């Protein structure tokens, strides 16, 4: 399960407090990879197709019509400036379609002084 496998929903879960269904994309690719944005865009579009066709409700019954759905990108690496621009544009497009969109990246590493 990963961003470069379009045939698989990486993770799907329900937020207990809100009932929101979250479809997560596990993105392990380096932001230096030349086709990273194209691969991620294809996966996001695949998820949107699953949501729009109501196929999500068939494979995940908690995703009934009317239940809020969010796509969440879990980044292994901190996005590059181009990656951040892409993620923000993706968020705007997905939200305009009536769904949620978020992304997460690892916290910055703390440098420790050698002893």
C-alpha atoms as a PDB file:
ATOM      1  CA  UNK A   1       0.000   0.000   0.000  1.00  0.00           C
ATOM      2  CA  UNK A   2       1.555   3.222  -1.120  1.00  0.00           C
ATOM      3  CA  UNK A   3       1.152   6.305  -3.228  1.00  0.00           C
ATOM      4  CA  UNK A   4       2.439   4.570  -6.348  1.00  0.00           C
ATOM      5  CA  UNK A   5      -0.137   1.739  -6.244  1.00  0.00           C
ATOM      6  CA  UNK A   6      -3.283   3.183  -7.824  1.00  0.00           C
ATOM      7  CA  UNK A   7      -5.278  -0.021  -7.401  1.00  0.00           C
ATOM      8  CA  UNK A   8      -5.318   0.116  -3.602  1.00  0.00           C
ATOM      9  CA  UNK A   9      -6.856   2.396  -0.993  1.00  0.00           C
ATOM     10  CA  UNK A  10      -3.909   2.662   1.388  1.00  0.00           C
ATOM     11  CA  UNK A  11      -5.877   3.262   4.602  1.00  0.00           C
ATOM     12  CA  UNK A  12      -9.526   4.018   5.304  1.00  0.00           C
ATOM     13  CA  UNK A  13     -10.879   4.761   8.763  1.00  0.00           C
ATOM     14  CA  UNK A  14     -13.637   6.587  10.592  1.00  0.00           C
ATOM     15  CA  UNK A  15     -13.072   9.390  13.082  1.00  0.00           C
ATOM     16  CA  UNK A  16     -15.141   8.223  16.070  1.00  0.00           C
ATOM     17  CA  UNK A  17     -16.005  11.704  17.344  1.00  0.00           C
ATOM     18  CA  UNK A  18     -17.319  13.050  14.038  1.00  0.00           C
ATOM     19  CA  UNK A  19     -18.141  10.047  11.856  1.00  0.00           C
ATOM     20  CA  UNK A  20     -15.908  11.490   9.132  1.00  0.00           C
ATOM     21  CA  UNK A  21     -14.389   8.877   6.821  1.00  0.00           C
ATOM     22  CA  UNK A  22     -10.686   9.428   6.146  1.00  0.00           C
ATOM     23  CA  UNK A  23      -8.971   7.902   3.123  1.00  0.00           C
ATOM     24  CA  UNK A  24      -5.224   8.113   3.706  1.00  0.00           C
ATOM     25  CA  UNK A  25      -2.479   8.045   1.103  1.00  0.00           C
ATOM     26  CA  UNK A  26       0.862   6.806   2.392  1.00  0.00           C
ATOM     27  CA  UNK A  27       3.471   8.790   0.499  1.00  0.00           C
ATOM     28  CA  UNK A  28       6.955   7.344   0.917  1.00  0.00           C
ATOM     29  CA  UNK A  29       8.509   9.081  -2.094  1.00  0.00           C
ATOM     30  CA  UNK A  30      11.308  11.620  -1.951  1.00  0.00           C
ATOM     31  CA  UNK A  31      10.287  15.110  -3.038  1.00  0.00           C
ATOM     32  CA  UNK A  32      13.419  15.119  -5.218  1.00  0.00           C
ATOM     33  CA  UNK A  33      11.945  12.357  -7.373  1.00  0.00           C
ATOM     34  CA  UNK A  34      11.105  13.912 -10.748  1.00  0.00           C
ATOM     35  CA  UNK A  35       7.634  12.335 -11.045  1.00  0.00           C
ATOM     36  CA  UNK A  36       6.531  12.644  -7.412  1.00  0.00           C
ATOM     37  CA  UNK A  37       3.845  15.261  -8.046  1.00  0.00           C
ATOM     38  CA  UNK A  38       2.422  13.314 -10.995  1.00  0.00           C
ATOM     39  CA  UNK A  39       2.285  10.091  -8.955  1.00  0.00           C
ATOM     40  CA  UNK A  40       0.596  11.855  -6.036  1.00  0.00           C
ATOM     41  CA  UNK A  41      -1.854  13.636  -8.324  1.00  0.00           C
ATOM     42  CA  UNK A  42      -2.821  10.314  -9.928  1.00  0.00           C
ATOM     43  CA  UNK A  43      -3.466   8.751  -6.510  1.00  0.00           C
ATOM     44  CA  UNK A  44      -5.556  11.725  -5.346  1.00  0.00           C
ATOM     45  CA  UNK A  45      -7.576  11.584  -8.577  1.00  0.00           C
ATOM     46  CA  UNK A  46      -8.072   7.849  -8.090  1.00  0.00           C
ATOM     47  CA  UNK A  47      -9.426   8.449  -4.582  1.00  0.00           C
ATOM     48  CA  UNK A  48     -11.734  11.181  -5.906  1.00  0.00           C
ATOM     49  CA  UNK A  49     -13.036   8.773  -8.537  1.00  0.00           C
ATOM     50  CA  UNK A  50     -13.771   6.185  -5.839  1.00  0.00           C
ATOM     51  CA  UNK A  51     -15.605   8.780  -3.746  1.00  0.00           C
ATOM     52  CA  UNK A  52     -17.575  10.275  -6.637  1.00  0.00           C
ATOM     53  CA  UNK A  53     -18.664   6.893  -7.996  1.00  0.00           C
ATOM     54  CA  UNK A  54     -19.949   5.827  -4.540  1.00  0.00           C
ATOM     55  CA  UNK A  55     -17.625   2.829  -4.765  1.00  0.00           C
ATOM     56  CA  UNK A  56     -16.194   3.780  -1.375  1.00  0.00           C
ATOM     57  CA  UNK A  57     -19.544   2.995   0.275  1.00  0.00           C
ATOM     58  CA  UNK A  58     -19.487  -0.445  -1.358  1.00  0.00           C
ATOM     59  CA  UNK A  59     -16.085  -1.353   0.077  1.00  0.00           C
ATOM     60  CA  UNK A  60     -16.414   0.628   3.318  1.00  0.00           C
ATOM     61  CA  UNK A  61     -20.058   0.646   4.501  1.00  0.00           C
ATOM     62  CA  UNK A  62     -19.486   3.496   6.990  1.00  0.00           C
ATOM     63  CA  UNK A  63     -18.986   5.812   3.981  1.00  0.00           C
ATOM     64  CA  UNK A  64     -22.710   6.113   3.341  1.00  0.00           C
ATOM     65  CA  UNK A  65     -23.918   9.012   1.191  1.00  0.00           C
ATOM     66  CA  UNK A  66     -23.925  12.207   3.215  1.00  0.00           C
ATOM     67  CA  UNK A  67     -21.058  11.155   5.484  1.00  0.00           C
ATOM     68  CA  UNK A  68     -18.143  13.604   5.262  1.00  0.00           C
ATOM     69  CA  UNK A  69     -15.069  12.211   3.524  1.00  0.00           C
ATOM     70  CA  UNK A  70     -11.525  13.542   3.713  1.00  0.00           C
ATOM     71  CA  UNK A  71      -8.383  12.576   1.809  1.00  0.00           C
ATOM     72  CA  UNK A  72      -5.306  12.685   4.052  1.00  0.00           C
ATOM     73  CA  UNK A  73      -1.788  12.486   2.609  1.00  0.00           C
ATOM     74  CA  UNK A  74       0.753  11.090   5.067  1.00  0.00           C
ATOM     75  CA  UNK A  75       4.194  12.202   3.879  1.00  0.00           C
ATOM     76  CA  UNK A  76       7.315  10.350   4.950  1.00  0.00           C
ATOM     77  CA  UNK A  77       9.424  13.381   4.044  1.00  0.00           C
ATOM     78  CA  UNK A  78       8.803  17.091   4.538  1.00  0.00           C
ATOM     79  CA  UNK A  79       7.368  18.489   1.293  1.00  0.00           C
ATOM     80  CA  UNK A  80       9.523  20.693  -0.905  1.00  0.00           C
ATOM     81  CA  UNK A  81       8.277  24.213  -1.742  1.00  0.00           C
ATOM     82  CA  UNK A  82       6.810  22.826  -4.993  1.00  0.00           C
ATOM     83  CA  UNK A  83       5.250  19.986  -3.019  1.00  0.00           C
ATOM     84  CA  UNK A  84       3.650  22.424  -0.582  1.00  0.00           C
ATOM     85  CA  UNK A  85       2.226  24.476  -3.464  1.00  0.00           C
ATOM     86  CA  UNK A  86       0.845  21.305  -5.036  1.00  0.00           C
ATOM     87  CA  UNK A  87      -0.724  20.128  -1.760  1.00  0.00           C
ATOM     88  CA  UNK A  88      -2.377  23.511  -1.216  1.00  0.00           C
ATOM     89  CA  UNK A  89      -3.773  23.547  -4.771  1.00  0.00           C
ATOM     90  CA  UNK A  90      -4.986  19.963  -4.314  1.00  0.00           C
ATOM     91  CA  UNK A  91      -6.666  20.978  -1.053  1.00  0.00           C
ATOM     92  CA  UNK A  92      -8.449  23.870  -2.757  1.00  0.00           C
ATOM     93  CA  UNK A  93      -9.682  21.638  -5.589  1.00  0.00           C
ATOM     94  CA  UNK A  94     -10.840  18.804  -3.318  1.00  0.00           C
ATOM     95  CA  UNK A  95     -12.591  21.180  -0.895  1.00  0.00           C
ATOM     96  CA  UNK A  96     -14.306  22.893  -3.849  1.00  0.00           C
ATOM     97  CA  UNK A  97     -15.678  19.451  -4.737  1.00  0.00           C
ATOM     98  CA  UNK A  98     -17.248  19.109  -1.310  1.00  0.00           C
ATOM     99  CA  UNK A  99     -14.726  16.873   0.439  1.00  0.00           C
ATOM    100  CA  UNK A 100     -11.968  17.419   2.944  1.00  0.00           C
ATOM    101  CA  UNK A 101      -8.237  17.335   2.326  1.00  0.00           C
ATOM    102  CA  UNK A 102      -5.268  17.361   4.667  1.00  0.00           C
ATOM    103  CA  UNK A 103      -1.638  16.366   4.732  1.00  0.00           C
ATOM    104  CA  UNK A 104       0.898  15.535   7.379  1.00  0.00           C
ATOM    105  CA  UNK A 105       4.659  15.435   7.325  1.00  0.00           C
ATOM    106  CA  UNK A 106       7.183  14.395   9.935  1.00  0.00           C
ATOM    107  CA  UNK A 107       8.144  16.946  12.563  1.00  0.00           C
ATOM    108  CA  UNK A 108      11.525  18.596  12.010  1.00  0.00           C
ATOM    109  CA  UNK A 109      14.376  16.605  13.446  1.00  0.00           C
ATOM    110  CA  UNK A 110      15.992  18.059  16.495  1.00  0.00           C
ATOM    111  CA  UNK A 111      19.723  18.253  16.285  1.00  0.00           C
ATOM    112  CA  UNK A 112      21.563  17.217  19.349  1.00  0.00           C
ATOM    113  CA  UNK A 113      25.023  18.360  20.259  1.00  0.00           C
ATOM    114  CA  UNK A 114      27.650  15.650  20.288  1.00  0.00           C
ATOM    115  CA  UNK A 115      28.967  14.969  23.723  1.00  0.00           C
END
